Amino acid sequence: MLILIGRILLAWVFVGSAYGALSNFGGSVGYFRSLNLPAAELFTVTNIAVEILISLGLILGFGTRYCAVLMFVFVLTATMIAHRYWEYPAGAQQIGQYNHFLKNISIMGGAMLILVTGPGRFSLDRAA
C-alpha cells in the first residue's frame, strides 16, 4: 500500500503541472518561449502529453518501470533546460530556481526507487 501511495504522490506533481499547462496554455507557451526553446507550442503539447502519460502510468501502476525511466529522463531534461539556478543573480530568483532544482533531484530519486522496487502489489502491472 505504501508503494501505491508513493506512486500517487510522485504522480501528483505531473498531474498538477499538466493541469496548469492545459488551463493556461498560452502562459506555458510563453514560458517555454522565454527559455528560447524552438517550437514552443509543440514543446508545450509534448510536455503535457508526457506528464499525463507519466501520471496515468504511476497512478494505475501500468508500465510502471517504463514510466519511472521516462520520468527520470523527463525531469533531468527539464532541470537542465529550465532550472540552471547558477545562471541567476543572487537573490529571490536564484533561490526559487535552486528550490526547483532540488525538487527535481528528489523526483529523480523517487523515479529510481520505483524503477528498482517496481509497482508494488496494488498495480495493473502486478495484476497482469
Protein backbone atom coordinates (compact mmCIF):
# COMPACT_ATOMS: atom_id res chain seq x y z
CA MET A 1 0.00 0.00 0.00
CA LEU A 2 2.89 2.38 0.73
CA ILE A 3 4.35 1.94 -2.75
CA LEU A 4 0.94 2.86 -4.22
CA ILE A 5 0.84 5.98 -2.05
CA GLY A 6 4.39 6.84 -3.11
CA ARG A 7 3.49 6.41 -6.77
CA ILE A 8 0.46 8.67 -6.37
CA LEU A 9 2.48 11.32 -4.56
CA LEU A 10 5.14 11.29 -7.29
CA ALA A 11 2.45 11.45 -9.97
CA TRP A 12 0.73 14.39 -8.29
CA VAL A 13 3.49 16.76 -9.39
CA PHE A 14 2.83 15.82 -13.02
CA VAL A 15 -0.96 15.92 -12.66
CA GLY A 16 -0.73 19.46 -11.29
CA SER A 17 1.76 20.57 -13.91
CA ALA A 18 -0.27 19.14 -16.80
CA TYR A 19 -3.46 20.71 -15.45
CA GLY A 20 -1.73 24.08 -15.08
CA ALA A 21 -0.36 23.91 -18.61
CA LEU A 22 -3.74 22.93 -20.04
CA SER A 23 -5.64 25.61 -18.14
CA ASN A 24 -3.11 28.30 -19.13
CA PHE A 25 -1.76 27.02 -22.42
CA GLY A 26 -0.71 30.48 -23.59
CA GLY A 27 1.21 31.09 -20.39
CA SER A 28 3.01 27.76 -20.76
CA VAL A 29 3.93 28.56 -24.35
CA GLY A 30 5.16 31.96 -23.21
CA TYR A 31 7.30 30.37 -20.50
CA PHE A 32 8.92 27.99 -22.99
CA ARG A 33 9.50 30.90 -25.37
CA SER A 34 11.22 32.79 -22.53
CA LEU A 35 13.64 29.85 -22.31
CA ASN A 36 14.38 30.34 -26.03
CA LEU A 37 13.05 26.89 -26.95
CA PRO A 38 12.15 26.38 -30.61
CA ALA A 39 8.55 25.44 -31.47
CA ALA A 40 7.24 26.42 -28.04
CA GLU A 41 3.68 25.31 -28.89
CA LEU A 42 4.83 21.83 -29.91
CA PHE A 43 7.09 21.68 -26.88
CA THR A 44 4.12 22.57 -24.64
CA VAL A 45 1.85 19.93 -26.19
CA THR A 46 4.58 17.29 -25.91
CA ASN A 47 5.26 18.31 -22.33
CA ILE A 48 1.58 17.95 -21.40
CA ALA A 49 1.30 14.56 -23.12
CA VAL A 50 4.37 13.20 -21.33
CA GLU A 51 3.14 14.48 -17.97
CA ILE A 52 -0.26 12.84 -18.49
CA LEU A 53 1.39 9.58 -19.56
CA ILE A 54 3.67 9.56 -16.50
CA SER A 55 0.74 10.42 -14.21
CA LEU A 56 -1.54 7.69 -15.51
CA GLY A 57 1.22 5.09 -15.57
CA LEU A 58 2.26 5.79 -12.00
CA ILE A 59 -1.22 6.07 -10.54
CA LEU A 60 -2.52 2.93 -12.24
CA GLY A 61 0.74 1.06 -11.94
CA PHE A 62 0.74 0.31 -15.65
CA GLY A 63 4.12 0.19 -17.41
CA THR A 64 5.44 1.44 -14.09
CA ARG A 65 9.13 0.81 -14.64
CA TYR A 66 8.96 2.36 -18.11
CA CYS A 67 7.20 5.37 -16.58
CA ALA A 68 9.95 5.60 -13.95
CA VAL A 69 12.62 5.74 -16.66
CA LEU A 70 10.58 8.26 -18.66
CA MET A 71 10.04 10.33 -15.52
CA PHE A 72 13.76 10.35 -14.74
CA VAL A 73 14.75 11.42 -18.27
CA PHE A 74 11.91 13.97 -18.49
CA VAL A 75 12.78 15.60 -15.17
CA LEU A 76 16.52 15.54 -15.88
CA THR A 77 15.88 17.28 -19.19
CA ALA A 78 13.55 19.84 -17.59
CA THR A 79 16.14 20.53 -14.91
CA MET A 80 18.92 21.09 -17.44
CA ILE A 81 16.72 23.39 -19.55
CA ALA A 82 14.75 25.38 -17.01
CA HIS A 83 16.39 25.29 -13.57
CA ARG A 84 20.01 26.33 -14.05
CA TYR A 85 19.97 28.31 -10.82
CA TRP A 86 23.67 29.18 -11.12
CA GLU A 87 22.88 31.43 -14.09
CA TYR A 88 20.70 33.74 -11.96
CA PRO A 89 22.00 36.61 -9.84
CA ALA A 90 21.96 36.05 -6.10
CA GLY A 91 18.52 36.73 -4.71
CA ALA A 92 14.95 35.52 -4.88
CA GLN A 93 15.09 34.21 -8.46
CA GLN A 94 18.20 32.15 -7.78
CA ILE A 95 16.70 30.75 -4.59
CA GLY A 96 13.47 29.86 -6.43
CA GLN A 97 15.36 28.11 -9.21
CA TYR A 98 17.56 26.31 -6.68
CA ASN A 99 14.45 25.03 -4.91
CA HIS A 100 13.06 23.76 -8.23
CA PHE A 101 16.43 22.13 -8.92
CA LEU A 102 16.36 20.34 -5.55
CA LYS A 103 12.72 19.27 -6.05
CA ASN A 104 13.66 17.76 -9.38
CA ILE A 105 16.63 15.92 -7.89
CA SER A 106 14.22 14.42 -5.35
CA ILE A 107 11.76 13.40 -8.07
CA MET A 108 14.60 11.69 -9.95
CA GLY A 109 15.43 9.80 -6.75
CA GLY A 110 11.80 8.72 -6.49
CA ALA A 111 11.90 7.55 -10.10
CA MET A 112 14.94 5.42 -9.33
CA LEU A 113 13.20 3.90 -6.33
CA ILE A 114 10.14 3.00 -8.41
CA LEU A 115 12.40 1.52 -11.09
CA VAL A 116 14.13 -0.68 -8.50
CA THR A 117 11.14 -1.65 -6.33
CA GLY A 118 8.63 -2.00 -9.14
CA PRO A 119 4.95 -1.09 -8.98
CA GLY A 120 4.05 -2.93 -5.77
CA ARG A 121 1.06 -5.13 -5.07
CA PHE A 122 -1.62 -2.59 -5.99
CA SER A 123 -0.95 -2.09 -9.69
CA LEU A 124 -2.13 -3.16 -13.10
CA ASP A 125 1.36 -4.47 -13.81
CA ARG A 126 1.07 -6.88 -10.89
CA ALA A 127 -2.48 -7.93 -11.85
CA ALA A 128 -1.38 -8.91 -15.38
